[in-house]
Amino acid sequence: MGCTHAGQRSSGGVYLNEEGRRRLIQLFEERLLEGVSHPLGFRKPLGETIEVQAQRLKAALLGRGEYTPFYLWR
């Protein structure tokens, strides 16, 4: 992404144009499909990892289990 994907507004903010929004969504979706290393030694897509973490957090908040956060190490 570059300067051609955004423009400054009179309000002082910088906003993505239509092409910039499409590109950002494309890059985000590609990242969600990339595998991440799990502490137990296997790889799983980042999107699935986020979904499992949300389910585990929900269970912990409802008193149905322990929550251990997943740390993404680069």
N, C-alpha and C. Protein backbone atom coordinates (compact mmCIF):
# COMPACT_ATOMS: atom_id res chain seq x y z
N MET A 1 0.85 -1.17 0.00
CA MET A 1 0.00 0.00 0.00
C MET A 1 0.89 1.23 0.00
N GLY A 2 0.43 2.24 -0.65
CA GLY A 2 1.23 3.45 -0.73
C GLY A 2 0.38 4.70 -0.73
N CYS A 3 1.02 5.80 -1.08
CA CYS A 3 0.35 7.10 -1.05
C CYS A 3 -0.81 7.17 -2.04
N THR A 4 -0.81 6.33 -3.06
CA THR A 4 -1.90 6.36 -4.04
C THR A 4 -3.18 5.74 -3.49
N HIS A 5 -3.10 5.08 -2.33
CA HIS A 5 -4.26 4.41 -1.74
C HIS A 5 -4.98 5.24 -0.68
N ALA A 6 -4.53 6.46 -0.45
CA ALA A 6 -5.14 7.26 0.61
C ALA A 6 -5.12 8.73 0.22
N GLY A 7 -5.96 9.49 0.90
CA GLY A 7 -5.99 10.93 0.68
C GLY A 7 -6.32 11.65 1.97
N GLN A 8 -5.86 12.87 2.07
CA GLN A 8 -6.10 13.65 3.28
C GLN A 8 -7.41 14.42 3.12
N ARG A 9 -8.15 14.51 4.21
CA ARG A 9 -9.43 15.24 4.20
C ARG A 9 -9.26 16.58 4.91
N SER A 10 -10.21 17.47 4.68
CA SER A 10 -10.16 18.79 5.30
C SER A 10 -10.26 18.70 6.82
N SER A 11 -10.82 17.59 7.33
CA SER A 11 -10.92 17.41 8.78
C SER A 11 -9.57 17.09 9.41
N GLY A 12 -8.56 16.86 8.56
CA GLY A 12 -7.23 16.56 9.06
C GLY A 12 -6.90 15.08 9.05
N GLY A 13 -7.90 14.24 8.81
CA GLY A 13 -7.67 12.80 8.79
C GLY A 13 -7.17 12.32 7.44
N VAL A 14 -6.61 11.14 7.43
CA VAL A 14 -6.19 10.49 6.20
C VAL A 14 -7.07 9.26 6.04
N TYR A 15 -7.69 9.12 4.88
CA TYR A 15 -8.64 8.04 4.64
C TYR A 15 -8.23 7.23 3.42
N LEU A 16 -8.51 5.93 3.48
CA LEU A 16 -8.25 5.07 2.33
C LEU A 16 -9.28 5.35 1.25
N ASN A 17 -8.83 5.34 0.00
CA ASN A 17 -9.77 5.43 -1.10
C ASN A 17 -10.28 4.02 -1.40
N GLU A 18 -11.15 3.88 -2.40
CA GLU A 18 -11.76 2.58 -2.70
C GLU A 18 -10.70 1.52 -3.01
N GLU A 19 -9.72 1.87 -3.83
CA GLU A 19 -8.64 0.92 -4.15
C GLU A 19 -7.85 0.56 -2.90
N GLY A 20 -7.59 1.53 -2.04
CA GLY A 20 -6.88 1.27 -0.79
C GLY A 20 -7.64 0.34 0.12
N ARG A 21 -8.95 0.52 0.21
CA ARG A 21 -9.79 -0.37 1.04
C ARG A 21 -9.75 -1.80 0.50
N ARG A 22 -9.87 -1.92 -0.83
CA ARG A 22 -9.82 -3.26 -1.43
C ARG A 22 -8.48 -3.94 -1.14
N ARG A 23 -7.41 -3.17 -1.29
CA ARG A 23 -6.06 -3.73 -1.07
C ARG A 23 -5.87 -4.12 0.39
N LEU A 24 -6.33 -3.29 1.32
CA LEU A 24 -6.20 -3.59 2.74
C LEU A 24 -6.95 -4.87 3.09
N ILE A 25 -8.17 -5.00 2.60
CA ILE A 25 -8.95 -6.20 2.88
C ILE A 25 -8.28 -7.43 2.28
N GLN A 26 -7.75 -7.29 1.06
CA GLN A 26 -7.05 -8.41 0.42
C GLN A 26 -5.85 -8.85 1.27
N LEU A 27 -5.04 -7.90 1.70
CA LEU A 27 -3.86 -8.23 2.51
C LEU A 27 -4.25 -8.83 3.85
N PHE A 28 -5.31 -8.31 4.47
CA PHE A 28 -5.77 -8.83 5.75
C PHE A 28 -6.25 -10.27 5.60
N GLU A 29 -7.05 -10.55 4.56
CA GLU A 29 -7.54 -11.90 4.34
C GLU A 29 -6.40 -12.87 4.05
N GLU A 30 -5.39 -12.43 3.30
CA GLU A 30 -4.22 -13.28 3.04
C GLU A 30 -3.50 -13.60 4.35
N ARG A 31 -3.38 -12.62 5.21
CA ARG A 31 -2.70 -12.83 6.50
C ARG A 31 -3.47 -13.81 7.37
N LEU A 32 -4.79 -13.75 7.36
CA LEU A 32 -5.60 -14.67 8.16
C LEU A 32 -5.43 -16.12 7.71
N LEU A 33 -5.07 -16.33 6.45
CA LEU A 33 -4.88 -17.68 5.92
C LEU A 33 -3.48 -18.22 6.18
N GLU A 34 -2.53 -17.34 6.51
CA GLU A 34 -1.16 -17.78 6.78
C GLU A 34 -1.10 -18.61 8.05
N GLY A 35 -0.24 -19.61 8.03
CA GLY A 35 -0.08 -20.45 9.21
C GLY A 35 0.76 -19.78 10.28
N VAL A 36 0.41 -20.04 11.52
CA VAL A 36 1.20 -19.57 12.66
C VAL A 36 1.58 -20.79 13.49
N SER A 37 2.72 -20.73 14.14
CA SER A 37 3.18 -21.85 14.96
C SER A 37 2.49 -21.83 16.30
N HIS A 38 1.93 -22.95 16.66
CA HIS A 38 1.26 -23.12 17.94
C HIS A 38 2.29 -23.63 18.94
N PRO A 39 2.18 -23.27 20.23
CA PRO A 39 3.14 -23.75 21.24
C PRO A 39 3.21 -25.27 21.33
N LEU A 40 2.17 -25.98 20.92
CA LEU A 40 2.18 -27.44 20.98
C LEU A 40 2.86 -28.06 19.76
N GLY A 41 3.39 -27.23 18.87
CA GLY A 41 4.21 -27.72 17.78
C GLY A 41 3.54 -27.86 16.42
N PHE A 42 2.31 -27.49 16.28
CA PHE A 42 1.66 -27.59 14.97
C PHE A 42 1.38 -26.20 14.43
N ARG A 43 1.06 -26.15 13.13
CA ARG A 43 0.74 -24.87 12.49
C ARG A 43 -0.75 -24.83 12.20
N LYS A 44 -1.30 -23.64 12.33
CA LYS A 44 -2.73 -23.43 12.12
C LYS A 44 -2.90 -22.05 11.50
N PRO A 45 -3.88 -21.87 10.60
CA PRO A 45 -4.11 -20.53 10.04
C PRO A 45 -4.43 -19.51 11.14
N LEU A 46 -3.94 -18.30 10.97
CA LEU A 46 -4.15 -17.26 11.97
C LEU A 46 -5.63 -17.03 12.23
N GLY A 47 -6.46 -17.04 11.19
CA GLY A 47 -7.89 -16.83 11.36
C GLY A 47 -8.52 -17.87 12.27
N GLU A 48 -8.14 -19.14 12.10
CA GLU A 48 -8.66 -20.20 12.97
C GLU A 48 -8.16 -20.03 14.40
N THR A 49 -6.92 -19.61 14.55
CA THR A 49 -6.35 -19.39 15.88
C THR A 49 -7.13 -18.30 16.61
N ILE A 50 -7.47 -17.22 15.93
CA ILE A 50 -8.24 -16.14 16.54
C ILE A 50 -9.62 -16.65 16.95
N GLU A 51 -10.25 -17.44 16.09
CA GLU A 51 -11.58 -17.98 16.39
C GLU A 51 -11.55 -18.88 17.62
N VAL A 52 -10.56 -19.76 17.70
CA VAL A 52 -10.44 -20.65 18.86
C VAL A 52 -10.20 -19.84 20.13
N GLN A 53 -9.37 -18.81 20.05
CA GLN A 53 -9.11 -17.98 21.22
C GLN A 53 -10.39 -17.29 21.69
N ALA A 54 -11.20 -16.81 20.76
CA ALA A 54 -12.47 -16.18 21.14
C ALA A 54 -13.39 -17.17 21.83
N GLN A 55 -13.44 -18.41 21.33
CA GLN A 55 -14.27 -19.44 21.96
C GLN A 55 -13.77 -19.77 23.36
N ARG A 56 -12.44 -19.87 23.52
CA ARG A 56 -11.87 -20.18 24.83
C ARG A 56 -12.08 -19.04 25.83
N LEU A 57 -11.98 -17.80 25.35
CA LEU A 57 -12.24 -16.65 26.22
C LEU A 57 -13.70 -16.63 26.66
N LYS A 58 -14.61 -16.89 25.74
CA LYS A 58 -16.03 -16.95 26.08
C LYS A 58 -16.29 -18.00 27.15
N ALA A 59 -15.72 -19.19 26.97
CA ALA A 59 -15.90 -20.27 27.95
C ALA A 59 -15.37 -19.86 29.31
N ALA A 60 -14.23 -19.20 29.34
CA ALA A 60 -13.65 -18.76 30.62
C ALA A 60 -14.53 -17.70 31.28
N LEU A 61 -15.06 -16.77 30.49
CA LEU A 61 -15.92 -15.73 31.06
C LEU A 61 -17.22 -16.31 31.60
N LEU A 62 -17.68 -17.41 31.02
CA LEU A 62 -18.89 -18.07 31.49
C LEU A 62 -18.60 -19.10 32.59
N GLY A 63 -17.34 -19.18 33.01
CA GLY A 63 -16.96 -20.10 34.08
C GLY A 63 -16.87 -21.55 33.66
N ARG A 64 -16.67 -21.80 32.37
CA ARG A 64 -16.63 -23.17 31.86
C ARG A 64 -15.23 -23.66 31.53
N GLY A 65 -14.21 -22.93 31.92
CA GLY A 65 -12.85 -23.37 31.62
C GLY A 65 -11.84 -22.29 31.90
N GLU A 66 -10.60 -22.67 31.77
CA GLU A 66 -9.49 -21.73 31.96
C GLU A 66 -9.15 -21.08 30.62
N TYR A 67 -8.65 -19.88 30.68
CA TYR A 67 -8.23 -19.20 29.46
C TYR A 67 -6.73 -18.98 29.51
N THR A 68 -6.05 -19.45 28.50
CA THR A 68 -4.62 -19.21 28.34
C THR A 68 -4.45 -18.48 27.01
N PRO A 69 -3.93 -17.27 27.03
CA PRO A 69 -3.81 -16.53 25.78
C PRO A 69 -2.76 -17.14 24.85
N PHE A 70 -2.97 -16.96 23.57
CA PHE A 70 -2.02 -17.39 22.55
C PHE A 70 -1.14 -16.20 22.21
N TYR A 71 0.16 -16.40 22.23
CA TYR A 71 1.10 -15.33 21.90
C TYR A 71 1.68 -15.60 20.53
N LEU A 72 1.61 -14.63 19.66
CA LEU A 72 2.15 -14.75 18.32
C LEU A 72 3.58 -14.22 18.34
N TRP A 73 4.53 -15.13 18.24
CA TRP A 73 5.95 -14.75 18.24
C TRP A 73 6.41 -14.67 16.80
N ARG A 74 7.14 -13.65 16.48
CA ARG A 74 7.67 -13.51 15.11
C ARG A 74 9.14 -13.80 15.10
